[in-house]
Amino acid sequence: MKFTFAYAGWEGSANDCRVLSAALETPRLQFPRPPPGKYYVVDSGYASLPGFLTPFKGERYHLNEYRGRTRRPRTAKELFNHKHSSLRNVIERSFGVLKNRFSILRHMPPFSIRKQAYIVIAWCALHNYIRNQDKMDRNFALYGDPDYPLGSTEDEVVDDASRDEAAEINMIRKNIANMMARDHNMQEIP
């Protein structure tokens, strides 16, 4: 539950996809791209980009849709989406810890945008420091619980990936889903 990269200073109404695109296209920010064979988990609002895995659209996704014995994943795509949602849930819980610990982030005083950005980045760094130093922190214990209720955050898709890039990452997603399907004795995606 630590932050790898923080890019603050955008207006709250800015689309997450636009912010990510700007981070990827600005060399001085040194966005940490995932190494080969590793991926960032992003919601369905993002385009299919190399190194960024989106869920399968049109399939069950949110964790609460899988609660209970009769609601287990039935297909390879649902299994992938369930695991994907579990990982994304960690991201949402990390923001919950940050906002719970530093109330200024919930009610930011009317500082300049630049000063607000510095505050957010400083709190992310402090959050990571506390996470490294205090393994028994109550905020991490509370928000570390996968059953802790969180709201849904889905953005509108901004697809600026090339068709070849999208096809490549979608094939990787399908291969991962099929590996999980084999492990769970489910039918694979053709």
Protein backbone atom coordinates (compact mmCIF):
# COMPACT_ATOMS: atom_id res chain seq x y z
CA MET A 1 0.00 0.00 0.00
CA LYS A 2 2.63 2.49 -1.11
CA PHE A 3 2.72 5.06 -3.87
CA THR A 4 5.14 4.48 -6.76
CA PHE A 5 4.54 7.78 -8.55
CA ALA A 6 2.65 10.98 -7.73
CA TYR A 7 1.81 13.63 -10.30
CA ALA A 8 -0.09 16.40 -8.56
CA GLY A 9 -1.22 19.81 -9.73
CA TRP A 10 -4.04 18.96 -12.10
CA GLU A 11 -7.55 20.25 -11.49
CA GLY A 12 -9.83 17.76 -9.77
CA SER A 13 -12.00 17.60 -12.86
CA ALA A 14 -9.11 16.41 -15.06
CA ASN A 15 -9.69 12.97 -16.54
CA ASP A 16 -7.31 10.37 -15.08
CA CYS A 17 -6.45 9.18 -18.59
CA ARG A 18 -5.30 12.67 -19.58
CA VAL A 19 -3.13 12.89 -16.49
CA LEU A 20 -1.54 9.50 -17.21
CA SER A 21 -0.96 10.44 -20.86
CA ALA A 22 0.78 13.65 -19.78
CA ALA A 23 2.95 11.73 -17.29
CA LEU A 24 3.94 9.21 -19.96
CA GLU A 25 4.69 11.90 -22.54
CA THR A 26 6.77 14.16 -20.26
CA PRO A 27 10.31 12.72 -20.05
CA ARG A 28 11.42 14.98 -17.17
CA LEU A 29 8.83 13.29 -14.91
CA GLN A 30 10.59 9.95 -15.35
CA PHE A 31 7.41 7.91 -15.04
CA PRO A 32 8.46 4.46 -13.79
CA ARG A 33 7.33 2.14 -16.56
CA PRO A 34 6.84 -1.45 -15.47
CA PRO A 35 9.64 -3.87 -16.34
CA PRO A 36 8.98 -6.56 -18.98
CA GLY A 37 6.40 -9.07 -17.78
CA LYS A 38 5.01 -6.68 -15.13
CA TYR A 39 1.94 -4.47 -15.47
CA TYR A 40 0.06 -1.64 -13.84
CA VAL A 41 -3.57 -2.48 -13.12
CA VAL A 42 -5.89 0.27 -14.40
CA ASP A 43 -9.65 0.58 -14.58
CA SER A 44 -11.78 0.22 -17.67
CA GLY A 45 -11.61 3.95 -18.30
CA TYR A 46 -8.06 3.64 -19.61
CA ALA A 47 -6.96 2.68 -23.09
CA SER A 48 -5.16 -0.60 -23.67
CA LEU A 49 -1.51 0.43 -23.48
CA PRO A 50 1.65 -1.66 -23.19
CA GLY A 51 2.33 -2.25 -19.50
CA PHE A 52 -1.22 -1.34 -18.39
CA LEU A 53 -3.87 -4.04 -17.87
CA THR A 54 -7.56 -3.16 -18.06
CA PRO A 55 -10.42 -5.51 -17.13
CA PHE A 56 -12.58 -7.26 -19.70
CA LYS A 57 -15.54 -5.04 -20.53
CA GLY A 58 -19.08 -6.39 -20.37
CA GLU A 59 -18.21 -8.87 -17.59
CA ARG A 60 -18.79 -8.75 -13.85
CA TYR A 61 -16.06 -6.70 -12.24
CA HIS A 62 -16.59 -5.18 -8.79
CA LEU A 63 -15.75 -7.29 -5.75
CA ASN A 64 -19.26 -7.02 -4.30
CA GLU A 65 -20.56 -8.78 -7.43
CA TYR A 66 -18.59 -11.88 -6.38
CA ARG A 67 -19.59 -12.09 -2.71
CA GLY A 68 -21.26 -15.34 -1.65
CA ARG A 69 -20.83 -18.96 -2.71
CA THR A 70 -23.13 -18.79 -5.71
CA ARG A 71 -21.47 -15.70 -7.12
CA ARG A 72 -18.00 -17.06 -7.81
CA PRO A 73 -16.40 -16.34 -11.19
CA ARG A 74 -17.82 -18.68 -13.85
CA THR A 75 -15.66 -17.83 -16.86
CA ALA A 76 -12.01 -17.02 -17.54
CA LYS A 77 -12.94 -13.37 -18.15
CA GLU A 78 -14.85 -13.14 -14.86
CA LEU A 79 -11.96 -14.80 -13.01
CA PHE A 80 -9.51 -12.31 -14.51
CA ASN A 81 -11.82 -9.39 -13.65
CA HIS A 82 -12.24 -10.64 -10.07
CA LYS A 83 -8.46 -10.82 -9.54
CA HIS A 84 -8.02 -7.47 -11.32
CA SER A 85 -10.65 -5.87 -9.09
CA SER A 86 -8.93 -7.24 -5.98
CA LEU A 87 -5.67 -5.61 -7.04
CA ARG A 88 -7.33 -2.30 -7.96
CA ASN A 89 -9.05 -2.35 -4.59
CA VAL A 90 -5.62 -2.05 -2.94
CA ILE A 91 -5.07 1.19 -4.87
CA GLU A 92 -8.38 2.62 -3.67
CA ARG A 93 -7.61 1.57 -0.09
CA SER A 94 -4.21 3.30 -0.31
CA PHE A 95 -5.97 6.55 -1.15
CA GLY A 96 -8.31 5.89 1.78
CA VAL A 97 -5.34 5.61 4.16
CA LEU A 98 -3.84 8.81 2.76
CA LYS A 99 -7.06 10.83 3.11
CA ASN A 100 -7.85 9.40 6.54
CA ARG A 101 -4.40 10.16 7.91
CA PHE A 102 -4.03 13.64 6.42
CA SER A 103 -7.39 15.39 6.70
CA ILE A 104 -6.01 18.41 4.84
CA LEU A 105 -6.35 16.25 1.69
CA ARG A 106 -10.11 15.96 2.25
CA HIS A 107 -10.56 19.69 2.85
CA MET A 108 -7.68 21.47 1.13
CA PRO A 109 -7.39 25.14 2.14
CA PRO A 110 -7.47 27.62 -0.76
CA PHE A 111 -3.73 27.54 -1.39
CA SER A 112 -2.34 28.06 -4.87
CA ILE A 113 -2.49 24.98 -7.11
CA ARG A 114 1.29 24.77 -6.95
CA LYS A 115 1.32 24.74 -3.14
CA GLN A 116 -1.49 22.16 -3.08
CA ALA A 117 0.55 19.94 -5.41
CA TYR A 118 3.57 20.16 -3.10
CA ILE A 119 1.36 19.22 -0.13
CA VAL A 120 -0.05 16.16 -1.91
CA ILE A 121 3.41 14.93 -2.96
CA ALA A 122 4.82 15.52 0.53
CA TRP A 123 1.97 13.54 2.10
CA CYS A 124 2.50 10.68 -0.38
CA ALA A 125 6.18 10.54 0.59
CA LEU A 126 5.32 10.68 4.31
CA HIS A 127 2.66 7.98 3.78
CA ASN A 128 5.31 5.69 2.24
CA TYR A 129 7.75 6.45 5.06
CA ILE A 130 5.14 5.55 7.71
CA ARG A 131 4.29 2.37 5.80
CA ASN A 132 7.96 1.35 5.82
CA GLN A 133 8.53 2.22 9.49
CA ASP A 134 5.28 1.28 11.26
CA LYS A 135 4.01 -2.14 10.21
CA MET A 136 1.26 -2.03 12.87
CA ASP A 137 -0.21 1.34 11.85
CA ARG A 138 -3.98 1.43 12.49
CA ASN A 139 -4.80 3.14 9.19
CA PHE A 140 -3.02 0.46 7.20
CA ALA A 141 -4.73 -2.23 9.27
CA LEU A 142 -8.18 -0.73 8.64
CA TYR A 143 -7.76 0.01 4.95
CA GLY A 144 -5.66 -3.10 4.39
CA ASP A 145 -8.78 -5.19 4.96
CA PRO A 146 -9.99 -6.32 1.50
CA ASP A 147 -13.57 -6.27 2.81
CA TYR A 148 -13.37 -2.61 3.80
CA PRO A 149 -16.13 -0.92 1.74
CA LEU A 150 -15.00 1.50 -0.94
CA GLY A 151 -16.81 3.45 -3.64
CA SER A 152 -16.48 2.77 -7.33
CA THR A 153 -14.36 5.05 -9.50
CA GLU A 154 -14.74 4.53 -13.21
CA ASP A 155 -13.65 7.06 -15.79
CA GLU A 156 -14.62 7.58 -19.37
CA VAL A 157 -12.35 5.80 -21.82
CA VAL A 158 -9.78 7.88 -23.64
CA ASP A 159 -8.27 5.62 -26.28
CA ASP A 160 -5.09 7.10 -27.68
CA ALA A 161 -3.23 3.81 -28.02
CA SER A 162 -2.34 2.48 -31.43
CA ARG A 163 -4.30 -0.54 -32.60
CA ASP A 164 -1.16 -2.68 -32.54
CA GLU A 165 -0.37 -1.68 -28.95
CA ALA A 166 -3.97 -2.30 -27.87
CA ALA A 167 -4.03 -5.69 -29.60
CA GLU A 168 -0.75 -6.68 -27.95
CA ILE A 169 -1.80 -5.81 -24.39
CA ASN A 170 -5.25 -7.35 -24.95
CA MET A 171 -3.55 -10.60 -26.03
CA ILE A 172 -1.41 -10.49 -22.87
CA ARG A 173 -4.57 -9.98 -20.78
CA LYS A 174 -6.24 -12.93 -22.54
CA ASN A 175 -3.17 -15.14 -21.94
CA ILE A 176 -3.14 -14.24 -18.23
CA ALA A 177 -6.87 -14.96 -17.99
CA ASN A 178 -6.37 -18.34 -19.70
CA MET A 179 -3.52 -19.26 -17.33
CA MET A 180 -5.81 -18.50 -14.38
CA ALA A 181 -8.64 -20.46 -16.05
CA ARG A 182 -6.40 -23.53 -16.37
CA ASP A 183 -5.45 -23.23 -12.68
CA HIS A 184 -9.17 -23.16 -11.79
CA ASN A 185 -10.28 -25.85 -14.28
CA MET A 186 -12.34 -23.38 -16.29
CA GLN A 187 -12.86 -23.10 -20.03
CA GLU A 188 -10.31 -20.86 -21.69
CA ILE A 189 -11.05 -17.84 -23.85
CA PRO A 190 -10.76 -18.86 -27.53
